[in-house]
């Protein structure tokens, strides 16, 4: 399974369509996802934006450039990181897709199409699809291309996912189904994350053996202890930790939103960083630029997308190229051997 910074053929993105999920924020969420799709497409990478119906397609076309390809599909929510295919190289210039059981993040949000969209778009892309016999969401794991994967115990060991599987059995399935040879276990994910602590909101690999983890930006940061624990666990595992700022407390009334700059999306030419109107937004974009010096890095508003429960990384899934360019799995493409 190539790392996210390996060369990609295109990016699938889900377009918001359900007013129940975004009761007041749907129009703005659509605008923010469209801006994300436009930025990736304008960087020179193909984008396949999934739309639910004719009205959804018309709205998306109003907001996107001609470079964004629209595909009408049946899907429940936009979180293709979890419902889309995980595409692997086979070592002989080919690719195949893995799909896993999906139960709506532990039975919280079960919607029509979410269990089938991953296999559907993979097969339509000409990929062989294999379905594993356990539940796993793509946002629950992040890899560095060397066989190492990071995850959180809060999610992968949660009784609402695979209650009959032990930690050791889950590690074996990660090896068997995705080829990972080493699992780094972090503890909890962000406060109030309905995914039960997906790692892509907490810690992201930015190069082989190098992982970015936020630091608490202000004393009232609701995730201060979680960041500190994640950093300690990563360092104990021998990983190099690159610090990122956090947005601090982002709230909706009395509710602390699981806002995170870590939900950035790496594409072939561009990294899209979600921003929330925090005083730390600019600092976060600059920090990501330092991690990916060979790519354009842009901060894009994502507060309305967050209102639906996720971010740009959650709403997208990449199609890696069958054969990466020389050095693209080691950071050489960016000119930084230790970074993405």
C-alpha atoms as a PDB file:
ATOM      1  CA  UNK A   1       0.000   0.000   0.000  1.00  0.00           C
ATOM      2  CA  UNK A   2       1.819   3.139  -1.170  1.00  0.00           C
ATOM      3  CA  UNK A   3       2.003   6.179   1.102  1.00  0.00           C
ATOM      4  CA  UNK A   4      -0.248   9.101   0.318  1.00  0.00           C
ATOM      5  CA  UNK A   5       2.623  11.176  -1.069  1.00  0.00           C
ATOM      6  CA  UNK A   6       3.294   8.607  -3.810  1.00  0.00           C
ATOM      7  CA  UNK A   7       2.218   9.652  -7.302  1.00  0.00           C
ATOM      8  CA  UNK A   8      -1.554   9.491  -7.848  1.00  0.00           C
ATOM      9  CA  UNK A   9      -3.644   9.111 -10.982  1.00  0.00           C
ATOM     10  CA  UNK A  10      -6.694  10.843  -9.529  1.00  0.00           C
ATOM     11  CA  UNK A  11      -8.554  11.729  -6.352  1.00  0.00           C
ATOM     12  CA  UNK A  12     -12.119  10.679  -5.580  1.00  0.00           C
ATOM     13  CA  UNK A  13     -14.052  13.261  -3.532  1.00  0.00           C
ATOM     14  CA  UNK A  14     -17.580  13.052  -2.116  1.00  0.00           C
ATOM     15  CA  UNK A  15     -19.939  16.017  -2.630  1.00  0.00           C
ATOM     16  CA  UNK A  16     -22.335  16.806   0.276  1.00  0.00           C
ATOM     17  CA  UNK A  17     -25.982  16.238  -0.511  1.00  0.00           C
ATOM     18  CA  UNK A  18     -27.845  15.371   2.709  1.00  0.00           C
ATOM     19  CA  UNK A  19     -29.468  18.270   4.635  1.00  0.00           C
ATOM     20  CA  UNK A  20     -29.933  15.974   7.632  1.00  0.00           C
ATOM     21  CA  UNK A  21     -26.168  15.694   8.037  1.00  0.00           C
ATOM     22  CA  UNK A  22     -25.619  19.433   7.434  1.00  0.00           C
ATOM     23  CA  UNK A  23     -28.902  20.946   8.732  1.00  0.00           C
ATOM     24  CA  UNK A  24     -27.718  24.545   8.414  1.00  0.00           C
ATOM     25  CA  UNK A  25     -24.339  24.238   6.753  1.00  0.00           C
ATOM     26  CA  UNK A  26     -25.080  22.260   3.566  1.00  0.00           C
ATOM     27  CA  UNK A  27     -24.653  25.095   1.022  1.00  0.00           C
ATOM     28  CA  UNK A  28     -21.381  26.199   2.607  1.00  0.00           C
ATOM     29  CA  UNK A  29     -20.160  22.604   2.936  1.00  0.00           C
ATOM     30  CA  UNK A  30     -20.812  22.139  -0.783  1.00  0.00           C
ATOM     31  CA  UNK A  31     -18.877  25.319  -1.553  1.00  0.00           C
ATOM     32  CA  UNK A  32     -15.930  24.233   0.582  1.00  0.00           C
ATOM     33  CA  UNK A  33     -15.754  20.744  -0.941  1.00  0.00           C
ATOM     34  CA  UNK A  34     -16.009  22.288  -4.418  1.00  0.00           C
ATOM     35  CA  UNK A  35     -13.138  24.655  -3.598  1.00  0.00           C
ATOM     36  CA  UNK A  36     -11.094  21.641  -2.472  1.00  0.00           C
ATOM     37  CA  UNK A  37     -11.866  19.779  -5.708  1.00  0.00           C
ATOM     38  CA  UNK A  38     -11.014  22.844  -7.791  1.00  0.00           C
ATOM     39  CA  UNK A  39      -7.680  23.344  -6.044  1.00  0.00           C
ATOM     40  CA  UNK A  40      -6.604  19.753  -6.662  1.00  0.00           C
ATOM     41  CA  UNK A  41      -7.775  19.823 -10.281  1.00  0.00           C
ATOM     42  CA  UNK A  42      -6.078  23.133 -10.975  1.00  0.00           C
ATOM     43  CA  UNK A  43      -2.811  21.730  -9.587  1.00  0.00           C
ATOM     44  CA  UNK A  44      -2.768  19.289 -12.502  1.00  0.00           C
ATOM     45  CA  UNK A  45      -4.284  16.157 -10.970  1.00  0.00           C
ATOM     46  CA  UNK A  46      -7.514  14.539 -12.120  1.00  0.00           C
ATOM     47  CA  UNK A  47     -10.455  14.782  -9.730  1.00  0.00           C
ATOM     48  CA  UNK A  48     -13.552  12.597  -9.741  1.00  0.00           C
ATOM     49  CA  UNK A  49     -16.235  14.328  -7.702  1.00  0.00           C
ATOM     50  CA  UNK A  50     -19.070  11.990  -6.746  1.00  0.00           C
ATOM     51  CA  UNK A  51     -22.564  13.513  -6.848  1.00  0.00           C
ATOM     52  CA  UNK A  52     -25.754  11.841  -5.672  1.00  0.00           C
ATOM     53  CA  UNK A  53     -28.456  12.928  -8.161  1.00  0.00           C
ATOM     54  CA  UNK A  54     -29.326  15.403 -10.910  1.00  0.00           C
ATOM     55  CA  UNK A  55     -29.920  18.322  -8.541  1.00  0.00           C
ATOM     56  CA  UNK A  56     -26.682  17.528  -6.722  1.00  0.00           C
ATOM     57  CA  UNK A  57     -24.835  17.370 -10.038  1.00  0.00           C
ATOM     58  CA  UNK A  58     -26.229  20.713 -11.174  1.00  0.00           C
ATOM     59  CA  UNK A  59     -25.180  22.355  -7.909  1.00  0.00           C
ATOM     60  CA  UNK A  60     -21.688  20.854  -8.149  1.00  0.00           C
ATOM     61  CA  UNK A  61     -21.263  22.013 -11.724  1.00  0.00           C
ATOM     62  CA  UNK A  62     -22.141  25.565 -10.693  1.00  0.00           C
ATOM     63  CA  UNK A  63     -19.316  25.485  -8.149  1.00  0.00           C
ATOM     64  CA  UNK A  64     -16.561  23.583  -9.949  1.00  0.00           C
ATOM     65  CA  UNK A  65     -14.338  24.236 -12.932  1.00  0.00           C
ATOM     66  CA  UNK A  66     -14.497  22.178 -16.113  1.00  0.00           C
ATOM     67  CA  UNK A  67     -11.351  20.349 -14.937  1.00  0.00           C
ATOM     68  CA  UNK A  68     -13.369  18.538 -12.251  1.00  0.00           C
ATOM     69  CA  UNK A  69     -15.060  15.380 -13.515  1.00  0.00           C
ATOM     70  CA  UNK A  70     -18.488  14.661 -12.016  1.00  0.00           C
ATOM     71  CA  UNK A  71     -19.696  11.083 -11.480  1.00  0.00           C
ATOM     72  CA  UNK A  72     -23.257  10.374 -10.397  1.00  0.00           C
ATOM     73  CA  UNK A  73     -23.245   7.634  -7.745  1.00  0.00           C
ATOM     74  CA  UNK A  74     -25.341   6.238  -4.913  1.00  0.00           C
ATOM     75  CA  UNK A  75     -23.522   6.937  -1.667  1.00  0.00           C
ATOM     76  CA  UNK A  76     -24.698   7.816   1.809  1.00  0.00           C
ATOM     77  CA  UNK A  77     -22.229  10.300   3.176  1.00  0.00           C
ATOM     78  CA  UNK A  78     -19.169  11.929   1.645  1.00  0.00           C
ATOM     79  CA  UNK A  79     -16.511  10.211   3.753  1.00  0.00           C
ATOM     80  CA  UNK A  80     -14.794   8.209   1.010  1.00  0.00           C
ATOM     81  CA  UNK A  81     -11.659   7.797   3.111  1.00  0.00           C
ATOM     82  CA  UNK A  82     -13.703   5.231   5.037  1.00  0.00           C
ATOM     83  CA  UNK A  83     -16.110   3.877   2.427  1.00  0.00           C
ATOM     84  CA  UNK A  84     -13.877   4.050  -0.644  1.00  0.00           C
ATOM     85  CA  UNK A  85     -11.343   1.457  -1.806  1.00  0.00           C
ATOM     86  CA  UNK A  86      -7.840   1.094  -0.389  1.00  0.00           C
ATOM     87  CA  UNK A  87      -5.734   0.608  -3.515  1.00  0.00           C
ATOM     88  CA  UNK A  88      -2.545  -1.438  -3.425  1.00  0.00           C
ATOM     89  CA  UNK A  89       0.224  -2.006  -5.957  1.00  0.00           C
ATOM     90  CA  UNK A  90       0.898  -5.645  -6.801  1.00  0.00           C
ATOM     91  CA  UNK A  91       4.599  -5.239  -7.571  1.00  0.00           C
ATOM     92  CA  UNK A  92       4.161  -6.079 -11.264  1.00  0.00           C
ATOM     93  CA  UNK A  93       2.805  -2.775 -12.500  1.00  0.00           C
ATOM     94  CA  UNK A  94      -0.771  -3.562 -11.507  1.00  0.00           C
ATOM     95  CA  UNK A  95      -3.170  -2.542  -8.763  1.00  0.00           C
ATOM     96  CA  UNK A  96      -5.920  -4.134  -6.740  1.00  0.00           C
ATOM     97  CA  UNK A  97      -8.442  -2.775  -4.271  1.00  0.00           C
ATOM     98  CA  UNK A  98      -9.215  -3.880  -0.729  1.00  0.00           C
ATOM     99  CA  UNK A  99     -12.583  -3.313   0.864  1.00  0.00           C
ATOM    100  CA  UNK A 100     -13.587  -4.046   4.429  1.00  0.00           C
ATOM    101  CA  UNK A 101     -16.789  -4.368   6.371  1.00  0.00           C
ATOM    102  CA  UNK A 102     -18.388  -1.019   7.177  1.00  0.00           C
ATOM    103  CA  UNK A 103     -20.958  -0.557   9.949  1.00  0.00           C
ATOM    104  CA  UNK A 104     -21.431   3.209  10.041  1.00  0.00           C
ATOM    105  CA  UNK A 105     -18.629   3.942  12.502  1.00  0.00           C
ATOM    106  CA  UNK A 106     -19.802   1.492  15.085  1.00  0.00           C
ATOM    107  CA  UNK A 107     -23.499   1.646  14.232  1.00  0.00           C
ATOM    108  CA  UNK A 108     -23.830   5.424  14.551  1.00  0.00           C
ATOM    109  CA  UNK A 109     -24.577   6.442  10.952  1.00  0.00           C
ATOM    110  CA  UNK A 110     -25.702   3.680   8.590  1.00  0.00           C
ATOM    111  CA  UNK A 111     -26.741   5.099   5.222  1.00  0.00           C
ATOM    112  CA  UNK A 112     -27.678   3.656   1.838  1.00  0.00           C
ATOM    113  CA  UNK A 113     -24.748   3.195  -0.490  1.00  0.00           C
ATOM    114  CA  UNK A 114     -21.937   3.464   2.030  1.00  0.00           C
ATOM    115  CA  UNK A 115     -21.332  -0.285   2.106  1.00  0.00           C
ATOM    116  CA  UNK A 116     -21.188  -0.596  -1.697  1.00  0.00           C
ATOM    117  CA  UNK A 117     -19.661   2.608  -3.075  1.00  0.00           C
ATOM    118  CA  UNK A 118     -16.059   1.497  -2.484  1.00  0.00           C
ATOM    119  CA  UNK A 119     -16.309  -1.685  -4.515  1.00  0.00           C
ATOM    120  CA  UNK A 120     -18.377   0.053  -7.190  1.00  0.00           C
ATOM    121  CA  UNK A 121     -15.899   2.823  -7.984  1.00  0.00           C
ATOM    122  CA  UNK A 122     -12.957   0.423  -7.758  1.00  0.00           C
ATOM    123  CA  UNK A 123     -14.485  -2.018 -10.254  1.00  0.00           C
ATOM    124  CA  UNK A 124     -15.441   0.821 -12.575  1.00  0.00           C
ATOM    125  CA  UNK A 125     -11.778   1.854 -12.476  1.00  0.00           C
ATOM    126  CA  UNK A 126     -10.856  -1.632 -13.691  1.00  0.00           C
ATOM    127  CA  UNK A 127      -9.548  -2.946 -10.377  1.00  0.00           C
ATOM    128  CA  UNK A 128      -9.954  -6.387  -8.910  1.00  0.00           C
ATOM    129  CA  UNK A 129     -11.698  -6.030  -5.543  1.00  0.00           C
ATOM    130  CA  UNK A 130     -11.130  -8.222  -2.522  1.00  0.00           C
ATOM    131  CA  UNK A 131     -13.313  -7.892   0.580  1.00  0.00           C
ATOM    132  CA  UNK A 132     -11.851  -8.668   3.991  1.00  0.00           C
ATOM    133  CA  UNK A 133     -13.770 -10.399   6.768  1.00  0.00           C
ATOM    134  CA  UNK A 134     -13.555  -7.630   9.368  1.00  0.00           C
ATOM    135  CA  UNK A 135     -14.454  -3.961   9.851  1.00  0.00           C
ATOM    136  CA  UNK A 136     -11.948  -1.227   9.042  1.00  0.00           C
ATOM    137  CA  UNK A 137     -12.227   2.392   7.914  1.00  0.00           C
ATOM    138  CA  UNK A 138      -9.462   4.011   5.901  1.00  0.00           C
ATOM    139  CA  UNK A 139      -9.262   6.998   8.248  1.00  0.00           C
ATOM    140  CA  UNK A 140      -8.359   4.651  11.100  1.00  0.00           C
ATOM    141  CA  UNK A 141      -4.906   3.939   9.636  1.00  0.00           C
ATOM    142  CA  UNK A 142      -2.023   5.899   8.141  1.00  0.00           C
ATOM    143  CA  UNK A 143       1.128   4.424   6.599  1.00  0.00           C
ATOM    144  CA  UNK A 144       4.617   5.553   5.623  1.00  0.00           C
ATOM    145  CA  UNK A 145       5.208   3.222   2.669  1.00  0.00           C
ATOM    146  CA  UNK A 146       7.796   1.074   4.480  1.00  0.00           C
ATOM    147  CA  UNK A 147       5.353  -1.391   6.031  1.00  0.00           C
ATOM    148  CA  UNK A 148       4.655   0.683   9.149  1.00  0.00           C
ATOM    149  CA  UNK A 149       1.100   1.719   9.963  1.00  0.00           C
ATOM    150  CA  UNK A 150      -0.179   3.912  12.798  1.00  0.00           C
ATOM    151  CA  UNK A 151      -3.618   3.660  14.385  1.00  0.00           C
ATOM    152  CA  UNK A 152      -5.430   4.333  17.655  1.00  0.00           C
ATOM    153  CA  UNK A 153      -6.519   1.792  20.219  1.00  0.00           C
ATOM    154  CA  UNK A 154      -9.704   3.794  20.767  1.00  0.00           C
ATOM    155  CA  UNK A 155     -10.877   2.955  17.262  1.00  0.00           C
ATOM    156  CA  UNK A 156      -9.389  -0.368  16.212  1.00  0.00           C
ATOM    157  CA  UNK A 157      -9.897  -2.021  19.594  1.00  0.00           C
ATOM    158  CA  UNK A 158     -13.373  -0.572  20.074  1.00  0.00           C
ATOM    159  CA  UNK A 159     -16.032  -3.167  20.890  1.00  0.00           C
ATOM    160  CA  UNK A 160     -18.355  -1.582  18.308  1.00  0.00           C
ATOM    161  CA  UNK A 161     -16.075  -2.643  15.441  1.00  0.00           C
ATOM    162  CA  UNK A 162     -14.546  -6.120  15.864  1.00  0.00           C
ATOM    163  CA  UNK A 163     -15.413  -7.305  19.382  1.00  0.00           C
ATOM    164  CA  UNK A 164     -14.225 -10.871  18.767  1.00  0.00           C
ATOM    165  CA  UNK A 165     -10.742  -9.837  17.609  1.00  0.00           C
ATOM    166  CA  UNK A 166      -7.808  -9.298  19.934  1.00  0.00           C
ATOM    167  CA  UNK A 167      -5.103  -6.702  19.374  1.00  0.00           C
ATOM    168  CA  UNK A 168      -2.801  -9.418  18.060  1.00  0.00           C
ATOM    169  CA  UNK A 169      -5.470 -10.710  15.668  1.00  0.00           C
ATOM    170  CA  UNK A 170      -6.060  -7.213  14.307  1.00  0.00           C
ATOM    171  CA  UNK A 171      -2.333  -6.785  13.754  1.00  0.00           C
ATOM    172  CA  UNK A 172      -2.279 -10.083  11.854  1.00  0.00           C
ATOM    173  CA  UNK A 173      -5.170  -8.963   9.650  1.00  0.00           C
ATOM    174  CA  UNK A 174      -3.423  -5.671   8.883  1.00  0.00           C
ATOM    175  CA  UNK A 175      -0.441  -7.736   7.758  1.00  0.00           C
ATOM    176  CA  UNK A 176      -2.508 -10.255   5.805  1.00  0.00           C
ATOM    177  CA  UNK A 177      -4.829  -7.819   4.035  1.00  0.00           C
ATOM    178  CA  UNK A 178      -2.728  -4.665   3.586  1.00  0.00           C
ATOM    179  CA  UNK A 179       0.839  -5.916   3.871  1.00  0.00           C
ATOM    180  CA  UNK A 180       1.806  -3.957   6.981  1.00  0.00           C
ATOM    181  CA  UNK A 181       4.694  -5.418   8.944  1.00  0.00           C
ATOM    182  CA  UNK A 182       4.643  -3.097  11.939  1.00  0.00           C
ATOM    183  CA  UNK A 183       1.751  -1.489  13.824  1.00  0.00           C
ATOM    184  CA  UNK A 184       2.318   1.600  15.981  1.00  0.00           C
ATOM    185  CA  UNK A 185      -0.509   1.941  18.495  1.00  0.00           C
ATOM    186  CA  UNK A 186      -1.512   5.382  19.722  1.00  0.00           C
ATOM    187  CA  UNK A 187      -4.138   5.779  22.434  1.00  0.00           C
ATOM    188  CA  UNK A 188      -7.212   7.994  22.052  1.00  0.00           C
ATOM    189  CA  UNK A 189      -8.206  10.198  19.161  1.00  0.00           C
ATOM    190  CA  UNK A 190      -9.625  13.703  19.428  1.00  0.00           C
ATOM    191  CA  UNK A 191     -12.364  14.602  21.862  1.00  0.00           C
ATOM    192  CA  UNK A 192     -15.877  14.262  20.381  1.00  0.00           C
ATOM    193  CA  UNK A 193     -14.691  12.552  17.197  1.00  0.00           C
ATOM    194  CA  UNK A 194     -17.684  10.409  16.208  1.00  0.00           C
ATOM    195  CA  UNK A 195     -15.352   7.982  14.415  1.00  0.00           C
ATOM    196  CA  UNK A 196     -14.060   6.869  17.821  1.00  0.00           C
ATOM    197  CA  UNK A 197     -10.697   8.462  17.298  1.00  0.00           C
ATOM    198  CA  UNK A 198      -9.552   8.086  13.701  1.00  0.00           C
ATOM    199  CA  UNK A 199      -5.817   8.577  13.462  1.00  0.00           C
ATOM    200  CA  UNK A 200      -6.055  10.843  10.400  1.00  0.00           C
ATOM    201  CA  UNK A 201      -7.347  13.577  12.701  1.00  0.00           C
ATOM    202  CA  UNK A 202      -4.497  13.074  15.165  1.00  0.00           C
ATOM    203  CA  UNK A 203      -1.225  11.908  13.611  1.00  0.00           C
ATOM    204  CA  UNK A 204      -0.041  11.631   9.997  1.00  0.00           C
ATOM    205  CA  UNK A 205       3.061  10.187   8.436  1.00  0.00           C
ATOM    206  CA  UNK A 206       4.946  12.787   6.411  1.00  0.00           C
ATOM    207  CA  UNK A 207       7.892  10.577   5.420  1.00  0.00           C
ATOM    208  CA  UNK A 208       9.368   7.164   6.208  1.00  0.00           C
ATOM    209  CA  UNK A 209       9.535   6.885   9.982  1.00  0.00           C
ATOM    210  CA  UNK A 210       8.489  10.519  10.396  1.00  0.00           C
ATOM    211  CA  UNK A 211       5.097  11.480  11.826  1.00  0.00           C
ATOM    212  CA  UNK A 212       3.414  14.840  12.423  1.00  0.00           C
ATOM    213  CA  UNK A 213       1.497  15.311  15.678  1.00  0.00           C
ATOM    214  CA  UNK A 214      -0.055  18.554  16.985  1.00  0.00           C
ATOM    215  CA  UNK A 215       0.967  20.420  20.079  1.00  0.00           C
ATOM    216  CA  UNK A 216      -1.609  22.232  22.181  1.00  0.00           C
ATOM    217  CA  UNK A 217      -1.699  25.844  21.041  1.00  0.00           C
ATOM    218  CA  UNK A 218      -3.512  27.380  24.019  1.00  0.00           C
ATOM    219  CA  UNK A 219      -4.174  26.394  27.647  1.00  0.00           C
ATOM    220  CA  UNK A 220      -7.846  25.676  26.896  1.00  0.00           C
ATOM    221  CA  UNK A 221      -7.027  23.194  24.109  1.00  0.00           C
ATOM    222  CA  UNK A 222      -9.405  20.254  24.796  1.00  0.00           C
ATOM    223  CA  UNK A 223      -6.935  17.737  23.310  1.00  0.00           C
ATOM    224  CA  UNK A 224      -3.773  18.736  25.167  1.00  0.00           C
ATOM    225  CA  UNK A 225      -3.409  15.430  27.037  1.00  0.00           C
ATOM    226  CA  UNK A 226      -4.252  13.426  23.903  1.00  0.00           C
ATOM    227  CA  UNK A 227      -1.527  15.158  21.878  1.00  0.00           C
ATOM    228  CA  UNK A 228       1.025  14.655  24.631  1.00  0.00           C
ATOM    229  CA  UNK A 229       0.174  10.972  24.934  1.00  0.00           C
ATOM    230  CA  UNK A 230       0.348  10.433  21.164  1.00  0.00           C
ATOM    231  CA  UNK A 231       3.737  12.132  20.973  1.00  0.00           C
ATOM    232  CA  UNK A 232       5.132  10.004  23.796  1.00  0.00           C
ATOM    233  CA  UNK A 233       3.877   6.775  22.220  1.00  0.00           C
ATOM    234  CA  UNK A 234       5.279   7.699  18.799  1.00  0.00           C
ATOM    235  CA  UNK A 235       8.668   8.547  20.256  1.00  0.00           C
ATOM    236  CA  UNK A 236       8.685   5.316  22.276  1.00  0.00           C
ATOM    237  CA  UNK A 237       8.103   3.505  18.972  1.00  0.00           C
ATOM    238  CA  UNK A 238      11.210   5.134  17.537  1.00  0.00           C
ATOM    239  CA  UNK A 239       9.420   7.527  15.191  1.00  0.00           C
ATOM    240  CA  UNK A 240      10.675  11.031  14.490  1.00  0.00           C
ATOM    241  CA  UNK A 241       7.942  13.465  15.540  1.00  0.00           C
ATOM    242  CA  UNK A 242       7.374  16.700  13.633  1.00  0.00           C
ATOM    243  CA  UNK A 243       5.265  19.141  15.634  1.00  0.00           C
ATOM    244  CA  UNK A 244       2.238  20.882  14.184  1.00  0.00           C
ATOM    245  CA  UNK A 245       0.092  23.557  15.790  1.00  0.00           C
ATOM    246  CA  UNK A 246      -3.460  22.740  16.738  1.00  0.00           C
ATOM    247  CA  UNK A 247      -6.338  25.118  15.992  1.00  0.00           C
ATOM    248  CA  UNK A 248      -7.074  25.296  19.726  1.00  0.00           C
ATOM    249  CA  UNK A 249     -10.649  25.205  20.941  1.00  0.00           C
ATOM    250  CA  UNK A 250     -13.097  25.329  18.020  1.00  0.00           C
ATOM    251  CA  UNK A 251     -16.605  25.195  19.417  1.00  0.00           C
ATOM    252  CA  UNK A 252     -20.235  25.155  18.369  1.00  0.00           C
ATOM    253  CA  UNK A 253     -22.002  26.483  21.423  1.00  0.00           C
ATOM    254  CA  UNK A 254     -20.747  24.373  24.315  1.00  0.00           C
ATOM    255  CA  UNK A 255     -19.597  21.567  22.000  1.00  0.00           C
ATOM    256  CA  UNK A 256     -15.858  21.236  21.333  1.00  0.00           C
ATOM    257  CA  UNK A 257     -15.520  20.337  17.655  1.00  0.00           C
ATOM    258  CA  UNK A 258     -12.843  17.765  16.643  1.00  0.00           C
ATOM    259  CA  UNK A 259     -11.140  20.363  14.451  1.00  0.00           C
ATOM    260  CA  UNK A 260      -7.692  19.379  13.222  1.00  0.00           C
ATOM    261  CA  UNK A 261      -5.144  20.563  10.700  1.00  0.00           C
ATOM    262  CA  UNK A 262      -3.996  16.932  10.552  1.00  0.00           C
ATOM    263  CA  UNK A 263      -6.898  16.169   8.220  1.00  0.00           C
ATOM    264  CA  UNK A 264      -4.837  17.560   5.336  1.00  0.00           C
ATOM    265  CA  UNK A 265      -4.890  15.780   1.975  1.00  0.00           C
ATOM    266  CA  UNK A 266      -1.691  15.023   0.069  1.00  0.00           C
ATOM    267  CA  UNK A 267      -2.015  14.862  -3.716  1.00  0.00           C
ATOM    268  CA  UNK A 268       0.618  14.593  -6.427  1.00  0.00           C
ATOM    269  CA  UNK A 269       1.256  18.325  -6.689  1.00  0.00           C
ATOM    270  CA  UNK A 270      -0.682  19.894  -3.816  1.00  0.00           C
ATOM    271  CA  UNK A 271      -1.462  19.545  -0.114  1.00  0.00           C
ATOM    272  CA  UNK A 272      -4.841  20.912   1.004  1.00  0.00           C
ATOM    273  CA  UNK A 273      -4.955  21.942   4.668  1.00  0.00           C
ATOM    274  CA  UNK A 274      -8.314  22.550   6.382  1.00  0.00           C
ATOM    275  CA  UNK A 275      -8.520  25.869   8.225  1.00  0.00           C
ATOM    276  CA  UNK A 276     -11.165  27.054  10.659  1.00  0.00           C
ATOM    277  CA  UNK A 277     -10.772  30.777  11.215  1.00  0.00           C
ATOM    278  CA  UNK A 278      -8.354  30.145  14.080  1.00  0.00           C
ATOM    279  CA  UNK A 279      -5.449  32.476  14.852  1.00  0.00           C
ATOM    280  CA  UNK A 280      -3.250  29.424  14.219  1.00  0.00           C
ATOM    281  CA  UNK A 281      -4.410  28.796  10.628  1.00  0.00           C
ATOM    282  CA  UNK A 282      -1.515  30.560   8.932  1.00  0.00           C
ATOM    283  CA  UNK A 283       1.029  28.924  11.233  1.00  0.00           C
ATOM    284  CA  UNK A 284      -0.405  25.492  10.391  1.00  0.00           C
ATOM    285  CA  UNK A 285      -0.193  26.066   6.638  1.00  0.00           C
ATOM    286  CA  UNK A 286       3.423  27.185   6.984  1.00  0.00           C
ATOM    287  CA  UNK A 287       4.205  24.077   9.063  1.00  0.00           C
ATOM    288  CA  UNK A 288       2.788  21.810   6.352  1.00  0.00           C
ATOM    289  CA  UNK A 289       4.780  23.695   3.711  1.00  0.00           C
ATOM    290  CA  UNK A 290       7.938  22.829   5.620  1.00  0.00           C
ATOM    291  CA  UNK A 291       6.953  19.150   5.626  1.00  0.00           C
ATOM    292  CA  UNK A 292       6.187  19.034   1.884  1.00  0.00           C
ATOM    293  CA  UNK A 293       8.631  21.514   0.289  1.00  0.00           C
ATOM    294  CA  UNK A 294       8.156  20.167  -3.241  1.00  0.00           C
ATOM    295  CA  UNK A 295       4.387  20.653  -3.307  1.00  0.00           C
ATOM    296  CA  UNK A 296       2.065  23.617  -3.343  1.00  0.00           C
ATOM    297  CA  UNK A 297       0.348  23.904   0.050  1.00  0.00           C
ATOM    298  CA  UNK A 298      -2.940  25.781   0.447  1.00  0.00           C
ATOM    299  CA  UNK A 299      -5.203  26.419   3.404  1.00  0.00           C
ATOM    300  CA  UNK A 300      -8.886  26.069   2.543  1.00  0.00           C
ATOM    301  CA  UNK A 301     -11.865  26.891   4.793  1.00  0.00           C
ATOM    302  CA  UNK A 302     -13.372  23.708   6.216  1.00  0.00           C
ATOM    303  CA  UNK A 303     -15.587  24.785   9.126  1.00  0.00           C
ATOM    304  CA  UNK A 304     -18.800  23.854   7.306  1.00  0.00           C
ATOM    305  CA  UNK A 305     -17.371  20.462   6.273  1.00  0.00           C
ATOM    306  CA  UNK A 306     -16.426  19.921   9.917  1.00  0.00           C
ATOM    307  CA  UNK A 307     -20.050  20.574  10.882  1.00  0.00           C
ATOM    308  CA  UNK A 308     -20.917  17.372   9.014  1.00  0.00           C
ATOM    309  CA  UNK A 309     -18.349  15.379  10.959  1.00  0.00           C
ATOM    310  CA  UNK A 310     -15.090  15.414   8.994  1.00  0.00           C
ATOM    311  CA  UNK A 311     -12.582  17.187   6.795  1.00  0.00           C
ATOM    312  CA  UNK A 312     -10.948  17.094   3.382  1.00  0.00           C
ATOM    313  CA  UNK A 313      -8.975  13.914   4.056  1.00  0.00           C
ATOM    314  CA  UNK A 314     -12.120  12.188   5.318  1.00  0.00           C
ATOM    315  CA  UNK A 315     -14.006  13.175   2.157  1.00  0.00           C
ATOM    316  CA  UNK A 316     -11.429  11.904  -0.321  1.00  0.00           C
ATOM    317  CA  UNK A 317      -9.590   8.764  -1.415  1.00  0.00           C
ATOM    318  CA  UNK A 318      -6.654   8.590  -3.804  1.00  0.00           C
ATOM    319  CA  UNK A 319      -5.973   6.285  -6.736  1.00  0.00           C
ATOM    320  CA  UNK A 320      -2.210   5.685  -6.590  1.00  0.00           C
ATOM    321  CA  UNK A 321      -0.404   5.241  -9.878  1.00  0.00           C
ATOM    322  CA  UNK A 322       0.379   1.638 -10.775  1.00  0.00           C
ATOM    323  CA  UNK A 323       4.081   2.376 -10.851  1.00  0.00           C
ATOM    324  CA  UNK A 324       5.431   5.310  -8.893  1.00  0.00           C
ATOM    325  CA  UNK A 325       8.034   7.606 -10.297  1.00  0.00           C
ATOM    326  CA  UNK A 326      11.567   6.987  -9.084  1.00  0.00           C
ATOM    327  CA  UNK A 327      11.900   8.082  -5.488  1.00  0.00           C
ATOM    328  CA  UNK A 328       8.275   9.017  -4.978  1.00  0.00           C
ATOM    329  CA  UNK A 329       7.921   6.670  -2.017  1.00  0.00           C
ATOM    330  CA  UNK A 330      10.993   8.036  -0.231  1.00  0.00           C
ATOM    331  CA  UNK A 331      10.379  11.753  -0.332  1.00  0.00           C
ATOM    332  CA  UNK A 332      12.850  12.406  -3.152  1.00  0.00           C
ATOM    333  CA  UNK A 333      10.092  13.871  -5.335  1.00  0.00           C
ATOM    334  CA  UNK A 334       9.820  16.781  -2.906  1.00  0.00           C
ATOM    335  CA  UNK A 335      13.562  17.264  -2.567  1.00  0.00           C
ATOM    336  CA  UNK A 336      13.451  16.301   1.120  1.00  0.00           C
ATOM    337  CA  UNK A 337      14.693  12.827   1.938  1.00  0.00           C
ATOM    338  CA  UNK A 338      13.154  12.804   5.396  1.00  0.00           C
ATOM    339  CA  UNK A 339       9.811  14.333   4.523  1.00  0.00           C
ATOM    340  CA  UNK A 340       6.917  13.699   2.174  1.00  0.00           C
END
